[in-house]
Amino acid sequence: MAKVVIYCTITCPYCTMAKRLLDSKGVDYQVIDVGADASKWSEMSQLTGGNTVPQIVINDQPVGGCDDLYELENKKELDQLLEA
């Protein structure tokens, strides 16, 4: 199974939507709350190039945010990434 990391904040509805999609697939993932830790936000930005949450990383490859995750799902590409 893939290594999945989600950089998020507690109150972000897009973070919740992304986690729900992964939950529906039975995916284990690590959540890193960047809302209260500027160093974690900086880490997220450097790793992903993104400055909004969520930022999702699958097998050490940034895939983007919630919309990007759902786009992968709609293209039937998400399962392939998660099985790698």
PDB file of N, CA and C in Angstrom:
ATOM      1  N   MET A   1       0.848  -1.184   0.000  1.00  0.00           N
ATOM      2  CA  MET A   1       0.000   0.000   0.000  1.00  0.00           C
ATOM      3  C   MET A   1       0.887   1.240   0.000  1.00  0.00           C
ATOM      4  N   ALA A   2       0.393   2.282  -0.558  1.00  0.00           N
ATOM      5  CA  ALA A   2       1.142   3.528  -0.712  1.00  0.00           C
ATOM      6  C   ALA A   2       1.326   4.253   0.615  1.00  0.00           C
ATOM      7  N   LYS A   3       2.384   5.038   0.664  1.00  0.00           N
ATOM      8  CA  LYS A   3       2.602   5.945   1.795  1.00  0.00           C
ATOM      9  C   LYS A   3       1.923   7.263   1.439  1.00  0.00           C
ATOM     10  N   VAL A   4       0.945   7.673   2.243  1.00  0.00           N
ATOM     11  CA  VAL A   4       0.170   8.876   1.959  1.00  0.00           C
ATOM     12  C   VAL A   4       0.289   9.839   3.136  1.00  0.00           C
ATOM     13  N   VAL A   5       0.605  11.093   2.809  1.00  0.00           N
ATOM     14  CA  VAL A   5       0.704  12.146   3.813  1.00  0.00           C
ATOM     15  C   VAL A   5      -0.208  13.284   3.385  1.00  0.00           C
ATOM     16  N   ILE A   6      -0.987  13.813   4.320  1.00  0.00           N
ATOM     17  CA  ILE A   6      -1.855  14.960   4.049  1.00  0.00           C
ATOM     18  C   ILE A   6      -1.451  16.092   4.985  1.00  0.00           C
ATOM     19  N   TYR A   7      -1.024  17.188   4.390  1.00  0.00           N
ATOM     20  CA  TYR A   7      -0.770  18.408   5.153  1.00  0.00           C
ATOM     21  C   TYR A   7      -2.089  19.165   5.194  1.00  0.00           C
ATOM     22  N   CYS A   8      -2.567  19.498   6.394  1.00  0.00           N
ATOM     23  CA  CYS A   8      -3.878  20.111   6.498  1.00  0.00           C
ATOM     24  C   CYS A   8      -3.990  20.988   7.733  1.00  0.00           C
ATOM     25  N   THR A   9      -5.160  21.596   7.871  1.00  0.00           N
ATOM     26  CA  THR A   9      -5.523  22.304   9.092  1.00  0.00           C
ATOM     27  C   THR A   9      -6.811  21.670   9.614  1.00  0.00           C
ATOM     28  N   ILE A  10      -7.079  21.894  10.873  1.00  0.00           N
ATOM     29  CA  ILE A  10      -8.223  21.256  11.522  1.00  0.00           C
ATOM     30  C   ILE A  10      -9.558  21.714  10.934  1.00  0.00           C
ATOM     31  N   THR A  11      -9.659  22.988  10.576  1.00  0.00           N
ATOM     32  CA  THR A  11     -10.946  23.545  10.166  1.00  0.00           C
ATOM     33  C   THR A  11     -11.185  23.555   8.657  1.00  0.00           C
ATOM     34  N   CYS A  12     -10.272  23.046   7.876  1.00  0.00           N
ATOM     35  CA  CYS A  12     -10.373  23.120   6.416  1.00  0.00           C
ATOM     36  C   CYS A  12     -11.367  22.092   5.860  1.00  0.00           C
ATOM     37  N   PRO A  13     -12.438  22.544   5.201  1.00  0.00           N
ATOM     38  CA  PRO A  13     -13.408  21.595   4.646  1.00  0.00           C
ATOM     39  C   PRO A  13     -12.836  20.779   3.489  1.00  0.00           C
ATOM     40  N   TYR A  14     -11.896  21.339   2.741  1.00  0.00           N
ATOM     41  CA  TYR A  14     -11.285  20.591   1.640  1.00  0.00           C
ATOM     42  C   TYR A  14     -10.395  19.473   2.174  1.00  0.00           C
ATOM     43  N   CYS A  15      -9.760  19.723   3.308  1.00  0.00           N
ATOM     44  CA  CYS A  15      -8.969  18.681   3.960  1.00  0.00           C
ATOM     45  C   CYS A  15      -9.882  17.521   4.364  1.00  0.00           C
ATOM     46  N   THR A  16     -11.019  17.849   4.921  1.00  0.00           N
ATOM     47  CA  THR A  16     -11.993  16.838   5.331  1.00  0.00           C
ATOM     48  C   THR A  16     -12.473  16.035   4.130  1.00  0.00           C
ATOM     49  N   MET A  17     -12.759  16.709   3.022  1.00  0.00           N
ATOM     50  CA  MET A  17     -13.212  16.012   1.814  1.00  0.00           C
ATOM     51  C   MET A  17     -12.144  15.063   1.287  1.00  0.00           C
ATOM     52  N   ALA A  18     -10.885  15.501   1.289  1.00  0.00           N
ATOM     53  CA  ALA A  18      -9.790  14.657   0.814  1.00  0.00           C
ATOM     54  C   ALA A  18      -9.644  13.425   1.706  1.00  0.00           C
ATOM     55  N   LYS A  19      -9.717  13.628   3.018  1.00  0.00           N
ATOM     56  CA  LYS A  19      -9.605  12.505   3.943  1.00  0.00           C
ATOM     57  C   LYS A  19     -10.776  11.544   3.769  1.00  0.00           C
ATOM     58  N   ARG A  20     -11.953  12.060   3.523  1.00  0.00           N
ATOM     59  CA  ARG A  20     -13.121  11.182   3.313  1.00  0.00           C
ATOM     60  C   ARG A  20     -12.937  10.290   2.097  1.00  0.00           C
ATOM     61  N   LEU A  21     -12.394  10.859   1.022  1.00  0.00           N
ATOM     62  CA  LEU A  21     -12.159  10.055  -0.181  1.00  0.00           C
ATOM     63  C   LEU A  21     -11.162   8.937   0.129  1.00  0.00           C
ATOM     64  N   LEU A  22     -10.083   9.276   0.803  1.00  0.00           N
ATOM     65  CA  LEU A  22      -9.087   8.261   1.143  1.00  0.00           C
ATOM     66  C   LEU A  22      -9.658   7.243   2.125  1.00  0.00           C
ATOM     67  N   ASP A  23     -10.460   7.703   3.081  1.00  0.00           N
ATOM     68  CA  ASP A  23     -11.116   6.780   4.013  1.00  0.00           C
ATOM     69  C   ASP A  23     -12.018   5.799   3.271  1.00  0.00           C
ATOM     70  N   SER A  24     -12.728   6.292   2.265  1.00  0.00           N
ATOM     71  CA  SER A  24     -13.651   5.431   1.510  1.00  0.00           C
ATOM     72  C   SER A  24     -12.901   4.338   0.757  1.00  0.00           C
ATOM     73  N   LYS A  25     -11.616   4.558   0.525  1.00  0.00           N
ATOM     74  CA  LYS A  25     -10.784   3.568  -0.162  1.00  0.00           C
ATOM     75  C   LYS A  25      -9.994   2.709   0.818  1.00  0.00           C
ATOM     76  N   GLY A  26     -10.182   2.956   2.117  1.00  0.00           N
ATOM     77  CA  GLY A  26      -9.478   2.180   3.122  1.00  0.00           C
ATOM     78  C   GLY A  26      -7.995   2.487   3.209  1.00  0.00           C
ATOM     79  N   VAL A  27      -7.615   3.696   2.842  1.00  0.00           N
ATOM     80  CA  VAL A  27      -6.211   4.093   2.810  1.00  0.00           C
ATOM     81  C   VAL A  27      -5.782   4.614   4.183  1.00  0.00           C
ATOM     82  N   ASP A  28      -4.655   4.116   4.654  1.00  0.00           N
ATOM     83  CA  ASP A  28      -4.029   4.677   5.850  1.00  0.00           C
ATOM     84  C   ASP A  28      -3.194   5.873   5.413  1.00  0.00           C
ATOM     85  N   TYR A  29      -3.259   6.944   6.178  1.00  0.00           N
ATOM     86  CA  TYR A  29      -2.489   8.133   5.824  1.00  0.00           C
ATOM     87  C   TYR A  29      -2.048   8.852   7.079  1.00  0.00           C
ATOM     88  N   GLN A  30      -0.983   9.615   6.926  1.00  0.00           N
ATOM     89  CA  GLN A  30      -0.472  10.433   8.016  1.00  0.00           C
ATOM     90  C   GLN A  30      -0.991  11.848   7.832  1.00  0.00           C
ATOM     91  N   VAL A  31      -1.518  12.430   8.902  1.00  0.00           N
ATOM     92  CA  VAL A  31      -1.995  13.809   8.866  1.00  0.00           C
ATOM     93  C   VAL A  31      -0.968  14.685   9.573  1.00  0.00           C
ATOM     94  N   ILE A  32      -0.552  15.743   8.883  1.00  0.00           N
ATOM     95  CA  ILE A  32       0.341  16.729   9.482  1.00  0.00           C
ATOM     96  C   ILE A  32      -0.419  18.046   9.537  1.00  0.00           C
ATOM     97  N   ASP A  33      -0.723  18.482  10.759  1.00  0.00           N
ATOM     98  CA  ASP A  33      -1.472  19.725  10.970  1.00  0.00           C
ATOM     99  C   ASP A  33      -0.498  20.898  10.872  1.00  0.00           C
ATOM    100  N   VAL A  34      -0.651  21.686   9.821  1.00  0.00           N
ATOM    101  CA  VAL A  34       0.246  22.827   9.604  1.00  0.00           C
ATOM    102  C   VAL A  34      -0.334  24.122  10.151  1.00  0.00           C
ATOM    103  N   GLY A  35      -1.535  24.076  10.681  1.00  0.00           N
ATOM    104  CA  GLY A  35      -2.220  25.280  11.136  1.00  0.00           C
ATOM    105  C   GLY A  35      -1.563  25.972  12.310  1.00  0.00           C
ATOM    106  N   ALA A  36      -0.964  25.210  13.194  1.00  0.00           N
ATOM    107  CA  ALA A  36      -0.400  25.801  14.405  1.00  0.00           C
ATOM    108  C   ALA A  36       1.124  25.749  14.431  1.00  0.00           C
ATOM    109  N   ASP A  37       1.734  25.345  13.332  1.00  0.00           N
ATOM    110  CA  ASP A  37       3.183  25.155  13.326  1.00  0.00           C
ATOM    111  C   ASP A  37       3.765  25.710  12.030  1.00  0.00           C
ATOM    112  N   ALA A  38       4.357  26.888  12.116  1.00  0.00           N
ATOM    113  CA  ALA A  38       4.913  27.547  10.929  1.00  0.00           C
ATOM    114  C   ALA A  38       6.008  26.712  10.279  1.00  0.00           C
ATOM    115  N   SER A  39       6.761  25.959  11.065  1.00  0.00           N
ATOM    116  CA  SER A  39       7.825  25.137  10.471  1.00  0.00           C
ATOM    117  C   SER A  39       7.237  24.012   9.626  1.00  0.00           C
ATOM    118  N   LYS A  40       6.102  23.456  10.054  1.00  0.00           N
ATOM    119  CA  LYS A  40       5.438  22.412   9.262  1.00  0.00           C
ATOM    120  C   LYS A  40       4.855  23.004   7.969  1.00  0.00           C
ATOM    121  N   TRP A  41       4.338  24.236   8.058  1.00  0.00           N
ATOM    122  CA  TRP A  41       3.821  24.904   6.856  1.00  0.00           C
ATOM    123  C   TRP A  41       4.957  25.117   5.859  1.00  0.00           C
ATOM    124  N   SER A  42       6.092  25.546   6.369  1.00  0.00           N
ATOM    125  CA  SER A  42       7.263  25.758   5.525  1.00  0.00           C
ATOM    126  C   SER A  42       7.724  24.442   4.892  1.00  0.00           C
ATOM    127  N   GLU A  43       7.735  23.385   5.687  1.00  0.00           N
ATOM    128  CA  GLU A  43       8.083  22.051   5.178  1.00  0.00           C
ATOM    129  C   GLU A  43       7.145  21.647   4.051  1.00  0.00           C
ATOM    130  N   MET A  44       5.840  21.865   4.254  1.00  0.00           N
ATOM    131  CA  MET A  44       4.848  21.531   3.242  1.00  0.00           C
ATOM    132  C   MET A  44       5.103  22.311   1.959  1.00  0.00           C
ATOM    133  N   SER A  45       5.324  23.602   2.079  1.00  0.00           N
ATOM    134  CA  SER A  45       5.534  24.455   0.906  1.00  0.00           C
ATOM    135  C   SER A  45       6.777  24.046   0.129  1.00  0.00           C
ATOM    136  N   GLN A  46       7.845  23.734   0.848  1.00  0.00           N
ATOM    137  CA  GLN A  46       9.079  23.330   0.179  1.00  0.00           C
ATOM    138  C   GLN A  46       8.911  21.990  -0.526  1.00  0.00           C
ATOM    139  N   LEU A  47       8.237  21.056   0.110  1.00  0.00           N
ATOM    140  CA  LEU A  47       8.070  19.714  -0.455  1.00  0.00           C
ATOM    141  C   LEU A  47       7.119  19.706  -1.642  1.00  0.00           C
ATOM    142  N   THR A  48       6.013  20.429  -1.517  1.00  0.00           N
ATOM    143  CA  THR A  48       4.954  20.328  -2.526  1.00  0.00           C
ATOM    144  C   THR A  48       4.912  21.492  -3.509  1.00  0.00           C
ATOM    145  N   GLY A  49       5.485  22.614  -3.133  1.00  0.00           N
ATOM    146  CA  GLY A  49       5.357  23.814  -3.961  1.00  0.00           C
ATOM    147  C   GLY A  49       4.024  24.509  -3.760  1.00  0.00           C
ATOM    148  N   GLY A  50       3.180  23.942  -2.902  1.00  0.00           N
ATOM    149  CA  GLY A  50       1.858  24.502  -2.648  1.00  0.00           C
ATOM    150  C   GLY A  50       1.839  25.364  -1.409  1.00  0.00           C
ATOM    151  N   ASN A  51       0.923  26.331  -1.403  1.00  0.00           N
ATOM    152  CA  ASN A  51       0.795  27.210  -0.245  1.00  0.00           C
ATOM    153  C   ASN A  51      -0.644  27.266   0.254  1.00  0.00           C
ATOM    154  N   THR A  52      -1.403  26.223  -0.069  1.00  0.00           N
ATOM    155  CA  THR A  52      -2.771  26.078   0.424  1.00  0.00           C
ATOM    156  C   THR A  52      -2.924  24.654   0.950  1.00  0.00           C
ATOM    157  N   VAL A  53      -3.949  24.451   1.761  1.00  0.00           N
ATOM    158  CA  VAL A  53      -4.220  23.104   2.268  1.00  0.00           C
ATOM    159  C   VAL A  53      -5.521  22.589   1.681  1.00  0.00           C
ATOM    160  N   PRO A  54      -5.633  21.292   1.526  1.00  0.00           N
ATOM    161  CA  PRO A  54      -4.620  20.304   1.839  1.00  0.00           C
ATOM    162  C   PRO A  54      -3.571  20.210   0.730  1.00  0.00           C
ATOM    163  N   GLN A  55      -2.433  19.676   1.092  1.00  0.00           N
ATOM    164  CA  GLN A  55      -1.434  19.234   0.133  1.00  0.00           C
ATOM    165  C   GLN A  55      -1.242  17.752   0.401  1.00  0.00           C
ATOM    166  N   ILE A  56      -1.365  16.963  -0.653  1.00  0.00           N
ATOM    167  CA  ILE A  56      -1.353  15.512  -0.512  1.00  0.00           C
ATOM    168  C   ILE A  56      -0.114  14.963  -1.212  1.00  0.00           C
ATOM    169  N   VAL A  57       0.557  14.063  -0.521  1.00  0.00           N
ATOM    170  CA  VAL A  57       1.773  13.445  -1.038  1.00  0.00           C
ATOM    171  C   VAL A  57       1.569  11.938  -1.014  1.00  0.00           C
ATOM    172  N   ILE A  58       1.758  11.305  -2.167  1.00  0.00           N
ATOM    173  CA  ILE A  58       1.620   9.854  -2.272  1.00  0.00           C
ATOM    174  C   ILE A  58       2.960   9.290  -2.722  1.00  0.00           C
ATOM    175  N   ASN A  59       3.509   8.395  -1.921  1.00  0.00           N
ATOM    176  CA  ASN A  59       4.823   7.802  -2.202  1.00  0.00           C
ATOM    177  C   ASN A  59       5.871   8.867  -2.494  1.00  0.00           C
ATOM    178  N   ASP A  60       5.908   9.878  -1.642  1.00  0.00           N
ATOM    179  CA  ASP A  60       6.887  10.973  -1.714  1.00  0.00           C
ATOM    180  C   ASP A  60       6.724  11.866  -2.941  1.00  0.00           C
ATOM    181  N   GLN A  61       5.612  11.729  -3.659  1.00  0.00           N
ATOM    182  CA  GLN A  61       5.341  12.576  -4.822  1.00  0.00           C
ATOM    183  C   GLN A  61       4.131  13.461  -4.546  1.00  0.00           C
ATOM    184  N   PRO A  62       4.306  14.782  -4.585  1.00  0.00           N
ATOM    185  CA  PRO A  62       3.157  15.676  -4.386  1.00  0.00           C
ATOM    186  C   PRO A  62       2.133  15.486  -5.505  1.00  0.00           C
ATOM    187  N   VAL A  63       0.869  15.342  -5.111  1.00  0.00           N
ATOM    188  CA  VAL A  63      -0.194  15.212  -6.111  1.00  0.00           C
ATOM    189  C   VAL A  63      -1.107  16.432  -6.128  1.00  0.00           C
ATOM    190  N   GLY A  64      -0.913  17.356  -5.196  1.00  0.00           N
ATOM    191  CA  GLY A  64      -1.719  18.572  -5.170  1.00  0.00           C
ATOM    192  C   GLY A  64      -2.701  18.576  -4.023  1.00  0.00           C
ATOM    193  N   GLY A  65      -3.811  19.275  -4.243  1.00  0.00           N
ATOM    194  CA  GLY A  65      -4.816  19.449  -3.215  1.00  0.00           C
ATOM    195  C   GLY A  65      -6.025  18.564  -3.403  1.00  0.00           C
ATOM    196  N   CYS A  66      -7.101  18.948  -2.774  1.00  0.00           N
ATOM    197  CA  CYS A  66      -8.338  18.164  -2.806  1.00  0.00           C
ATOM    198  C   CYS A  66      -8.873  18.008  -4.232  1.00  0.00           C
ATOM    199  N   ASP A  67      -8.946  19.114  -4.965  1.00  0.00           N
ATOM    200  CA  ASP A  67      -9.452  19.034  -6.340  1.00  0.00           C
ATOM    201  C   ASP A  67      -8.593  18.104  -7.191  1.00  0.00           C
ATOM    202  N   ASP A  68      -7.286  18.164  -6.986  1.00  0.00           N
ATOM    203  CA  ASP A  68      -6.380  17.301  -7.746  1.00  0.00           C
ATOM    204  C   ASP A  68      -6.598  15.835  -7.390  1.00  0.00           C
ATOM    205  N   LEU A  69      -6.831  15.563  -6.111  1.00  0.00           N
ATOM    206  CA  LEU A  69      -7.088  14.194  -5.674  1.00  0.00           C
ATOM    207  C   LEU A  69      -8.368  13.655  -6.310  1.00  0.00           C
ATOM    208  N   TYR A  70      -9.420  14.466  -6.310  1.00  0.00           N
ATOM    209  CA  TYR A  70     -10.681  14.035  -6.924  1.00  0.00           C
ATOM    210  C   TYR A  70     -10.549  13.909  -8.441  1.00  0.00           C
ATOM    211  N   GLU A  71      -9.728  14.738  -9.044  1.00  0.00           N
ATOM    212  CA  GLU A  71      -9.495  14.614 -10.488  1.00  0.00           C
ATOM    213  C   GLU A  71      -8.808  13.289 -10.805  1.00  0.00           C
ATOM    214  N   LEU A  72      -7.826  12.916  -9.986  1.00  0.00           N
ATOM    215  CA  LEU A  72      -7.189  11.608 -10.164  1.00  0.00           C
ATOM    216  C   LEU A  72      -8.210  10.495 -10.024  1.00  0.00           C
ATOM    217  N   GLU A  73      -9.098  10.615  -9.063  1.00  0.00           N
ATOM    218  CA  GLU A  73     -10.148   9.607  -8.874  1.00  0.00           C
ATOM    219  C   GLU A  73     -11.065   9.544 -10.089  1.00  0.00           C
ATOM    220  N   ASN A  74     -11.478  10.696 -10.596  1.00  0.00           N
ATOM    221  CA  ASN A  74     -12.377  10.728 -11.753  1.00  0.00           C
ATOM    222  C   ASN A  74     -11.729  10.167 -13.010  1.00  0.00           C
ATOM    223  N   LYS A  75     -10.413  10.313 -13.126  1.00  0.00           N
ATOM    224  CA  LYS A  75      -9.675   9.772 -14.278  1.00  0.00           C
ATOM    225  C   LYS A  75      -9.305   8.300 -14.078  1.00  0.00           C
ATOM    226  N   LYS A  76      -9.725   7.742 -12.932  1.00  0.00           N
ATOM    227  CA  LYS A  76      -9.405   6.346 -12.592  1.00  0.00           C
ATOM    228  C   LYS A  76      -7.906   6.127 -12.431  1.00  0.00           C
ATOM    229  N   GLU A  77      -7.171   7.158 -11.993  1.00  0.00           N
ATOM    230  CA  GLU A  77      -5.733   7.054 -11.801  1.00  0.00           C
ATOM    231  C   GLU A  77      -5.334   6.957 -10.333  1.00  0.00           C
ATOM    232  N   LEU A  78      -6.232   7.296  -9.426  1.00  0.00           N
ATOM    233  CA  LEU A  78      -5.890   7.323  -8.011  1.00  0.00           C
ATOM    234  C   LEU A  78      -5.572   5.929  -7.483  1.00  0.00           C
ATOM    235  N   ASP A  79      -6.378   4.947  -7.852  1.00  0.00           N
ATOM    236  CA  ASP A  79      -6.142   3.584  -7.360  1.00  0.00           C
ATOM    237  C   ASP A  79      -4.766   3.078  -7.767  1.00  0.00           C
ATOM    238  N   GLN A  80      -4.329   3.416  -8.969  1.00  0.00           N
ATOM    239  CA  GLN A  80      -2.998   2.996  -9.429  1.00  0.00           C
ATOM    240  C   GLN A  80      -1.911   3.583  -8.529  1.00  0.00           C
ATOM    241  N   LEU A  81      -2.055   4.865  -8.192  1.00  0.00           N
ATOM    242  CA  LEU A  81      -1.075   5.505  -7.311  1.00  0.00           C
ATOM    243  C   LEU A  81      -1.067   4.869  -5.929  1.00  0.00           C
ATOM    244  N   LEU A  82      -2.244   4.556  -5.445  1.00  0.00           N
ATOM    245  CA  LEU A  82      -2.362   4.006  -4.103  1.00  0.00           C
ATOM    246  C   LEU A  82      -1.876   2.560  -4.019  1.00  0.00           C
ATOM    247  N   GLU A  83      -1.866   1.868  -5.131  1.00  0.00           N
ATOM    248  CA  GLU A  83      -1.412   0.476  -5.140  1.00  0.00           C
ATOM    249  C   GLU A  83       0.085   0.355  -5.367  1.00  0.00           C
ATOM    250  N   ALA A  84       0.721   1.427  -5.805  1.00  0.00           N
ATOM    251  CA  ALA A  84       2.156   1.393  -6.124  1.00  0.00           C
ATOM    252  C   ALA A  84       2.988   1.177  -4.881  1.00  0.00           C
TER     253      ALA A  84
END
